[in-house]
Amino acid sequence: MISFYIKGDINKTNKFLQSLKIFTLAESLGGVESLIESPALMTHGSVPPAHRKLLGIDDNFVRVSTGIENIEDLLDDLKQALSKI
C-alpha cells in the first residue's frame, strides 16, 4: 500500500481518479486487483474538513493498494491519469 498527494484540489483529485483505467475505485483496499481511493471523498467523506486536516487527510490525499497486474501497465495507467489533471 502506498499513498500520495495530488498537486491541486479535490476536483483535480477526483478527475485523476476518474481517469484511471486499470485501478478500481474502491473503499476497501484488500484484494488481488489494484485499488485506489480518496479518503476525503470516500471513507472519511462525512468527517468535517477541519477534522480530516488534523488527521492528515487532505482533499488531495490518495491511497493505493497494488494488485497482481503487470507493473508497467499500472505505471502507465497512473501516468496517463496524471497527465489529464
C-alpha atoms as a PDB file:
ATOM      1  CA  MET A   1       0.000   0.000   0.000  1.00  0.00           C
ATOM      2  CA  ILE A   2       1.200   3.487  -0.841  1.00  0.00           C
ATOM      3  CA  SER A   3      -0.271   6.950  -0.501  1.00  0.00           C
ATOM      4  CA  PHE A   4       0.461  10.290  -2.084  1.00  0.00           C
ATOM      5  CA  TYR A   5      -0.916  13.772  -2.617  1.00  0.00           C
ATOM      6  CA  ILE A   6      -2.170  15.108  -5.938  1.00  0.00           C
ATOM      7  CA  LYS A   7      -0.957  18.631  -6.757  1.00  0.00           C
ATOM      8  CA  GLY A   8      -4.188  20.562  -6.667  1.00  0.00           C
ATOM      9  CA  ASP A   9      -7.564  20.473  -5.013  1.00  0.00           C
ATOM     10  CA  ILE A  10     -10.322  17.910  -4.537  1.00  0.00           C
ATOM     11  CA  ASN A  11     -11.563  18.494  -8.096  1.00  0.00           C
ATOM     12  CA  LYS A  12      -8.182  17.540  -9.580  1.00  0.00           C
ATOM     13  CA  THR A  13      -8.041  14.523  -7.286  1.00  0.00           C
ATOM     14  CA  ASN A  14     -11.473  13.423  -8.459  1.00  0.00           C
ATOM     15  CA  LYS A  15     -10.536  13.953 -12.120  1.00  0.00           C
ATOM     16  CA  PHE A  16      -7.376  11.871 -11.609  1.00  0.00           C
ATOM     17  CA  LEU A  17      -9.362   9.031 -10.018  1.00  0.00           C
ATOM     18  CA  GLN A  18     -11.986   9.092 -12.768  1.00  0.00           C
ATOM     19  CA  SER A  19      -9.272   8.959 -15.468  1.00  0.00           C
ATOM     20  CA  LEU A  20      -7.790   5.655 -14.289  1.00  0.00           C
ATOM     21  CA  LYS A  21      -8.474   2.610 -16.441  1.00  0.00           C
ATOM     22  CA  ILE A  22      -6.822  -0.287 -14.593  1.00  0.00           C
ATOM     23  CA  PHE A  23      -7.132   0.767 -10.955  1.00  0.00           C
ATOM     24  CA  THR A  24     -10.568   0.220  -9.454  1.00  0.00           C
ATOM     25  CA  LEU A  25     -12.044   2.968  -7.280  1.00  0.00           C
ATOM     26  CA  ALA A  26     -12.938   1.242  -4.006  1.00  0.00           C
ATOM     27  CA  GLU A  27     -13.126   1.953  -0.291  1.00  0.00           C
ATOM     28  CA  SER A  28     -11.810  -1.476   0.630  1.00  0.00           C
ATOM     29  CA  LEU A  29      -8.141  -1.760  -0.238  1.00  0.00           C
ATOM     30  CA  GLY A  30      -7.837  -5.517   0.172  1.00  0.00           C
ATOM     31  CA  GLY A  31      -7.855  -7.805  -2.835  1.00  0.00           C
ATOM     32  CA  VAL A  32      -5.742  -9.138  -5.690  1.00  0.00           C
ATOM     33  CA  GLU A  33      -6.680  -6.289  -8.044  1.00  0.00           C
ATOM     34  CA  SER A  34      -5.192  -2.805  -7.835  1.00  0.00           C
ATOM     35  CA  LEU A  35      -7.482  -0.473  -5.918  1.00  0.00           C
ATOM     36  CA  ILE A  36      -7.408   3.264  -5.269  1.00  0.00           C
ATOM     37  CA  GLU A  37      -9.359   5.676  -3.095  1.00  0.00           C
ATOM     38  CA  SER A  38      -9.612   9.253  -1.905  1.00  0.00           C
ATOM     39  CA  PRO A  39     -10.385   9.229   1.830  1.00  0.00           C
ATOM     40  CA  ALA A  40     -11.746  12.808   1.668  1.00  0.00           C
ATOM     41  CA  LEU A  41     -14.270  11.757  -0.975  1.00  0.00           C
ATOM     42  CA  MET A  42     -14.948   8.247   0.271  1.00  0.00           C
ATOM     43  CA  THR A  43     -14.113   6.661   3.650  1.00  0.00           C
ATOM     44  CA  HIS A  44     -13.859   9.984   5.519  1.00  0.00           C
ATOM     45  CA  GLY A  45     -16.323  11.998   3.451  1.00  0.00           C
ATOM     46  CA  SER A  46     -18.617  12.538   6.435  1.00  0.00           C
ATOM     47  CA  VAL A  47     -15.781  13.839   8.637  1.00  0.00           C
ATOM     48  CA  PRO A  48     -15.652  17.659   8.735  1.00  0.00           C
ATOM     49  CA  PRO A  49     -12.769  19.066   6.630  1.00  0.00           C
ATOM     50  CA  ALA A  50     -11.038  20.676   9.639  1.00  0.00           C
ATOM     51  CA  HIS A  51     -11.013  17.345  11.490  1.00  0.00           C
ATOM     52  CA  ARG A  52      -9.772  15.498   8.383  1.00  0.00           C
ATOM     53  CA  LYS A  53      -6.920  18.006   8.155  1.00  0.00           C
ATOM     54  CA  LEU A  54      -5.956  17.256  11.771  1.00  0.00           C
ATOM     55  CA  LEU A  55      -5.840  13.569  10.839  1.00  0.00           C
ATOM     56  CA  GLY A  56      -3.586  14.299   7.861  1.00  0.00           C
ATOM     57  CA  ILE A  57      -6.331  13.564   5.353  1.00  0.00           C
ATOM     58  CA  ASP A  58      -6.247  16.472   2.926  1.00  0.00           C
ATOM     59  CA  ASP A  59      -8.596  16.754  -0.038  1.00  0.00           C
ATOM     60  CA  ASN A  60      -5.797  15.709  -2.400  1.00  0.00           C
ATOM     61  CA  PHE A  61      -4.687  12.614  -0.428  1.00  0.00           C
ATOM     62  CA  VAL A  62      -4.868   9.305  -2.345  1.00  0.00           C
ATOM     63  CA  ARG A  63      -4.362   5.729  -1.122  1.00  0.00           C
ATOM     64  CA  VAL A  64      -3.345   2.906  -3.449  1.00  0.00           C
ATOM     65  CA  SER A  65      -3.210  -0.839  -2.981  1.00  0.00           C
ATOM     66  CA  THR A  66      -1.411  -2.542  -5.851  1.00  0.00           C
ATOM     67  CA  GLY A  67      -2.553  -5.917  -7.040  1.00  0.00           C
ATOM     68  CA  ILE A  68      -1.184  -8.597  -9.312  1.00  0.00           C
ATOM     69  CA  GLU A  69      -1.413  -6.712 -12.606  1.00  0.00           C
ATOM     70  CA  ASN A  70       1.706  -6.023 -14.656  1.00  0.00           C
ATOM     71  CA  ILE A  71       3.694  -3.211 -13.032  1.00  0.00           C
ATOM     72  CA  GLU A  72       4.285  -1.430 -16.349  1.00  0.00           C
ATOM     73  CA  ASP A  73       0.530  -1.396 -17.010  1.00  0.00           C
ATOM     74  CA  LEU A  74      -0.095   0.105 -13.564  1.00  0.00           C
ATOM     75  CA  LEU A  75       2.581   2.765 -14.008  1.00  0.00           C
ATOM     76  CA  ASP A  76       1.248   3.650 -17.460  1.00  0.00           C
ATOM     77  CA  ASP A  77      -2.261   3.976 -16.024  1.00  0.00           C
ATOM     78  CA  LEU A  78      -1.081   6.317 -13.272  1.00  0.00           C
ATOM     79  CA  LYS A  79       0.928   8.399 -15.762  1.00  0.00           C
ATOM     80  CA  GLN A  80      -1.949   8.794 -18.204  1.00  0.00           C
ATOM     81  CA  ALA A  81      -4.350   9.784 -15.411  1.00  0.00           C
ATOM     82  CA  LEU A  82      -1.858  12.301 -14.009  1.00  0.00           C
ATOM     83  CA  SER A  83      -1.422  13.820 -17.461  1.00  0.00           C
ATOM     84  CA  LYS A  84      -5.149  14.680 -17.503  1.00  0.00           C
ATOM     85  CA  ILE A  85      -5.011  16.928 -14.462  1.00  0.00           C
END
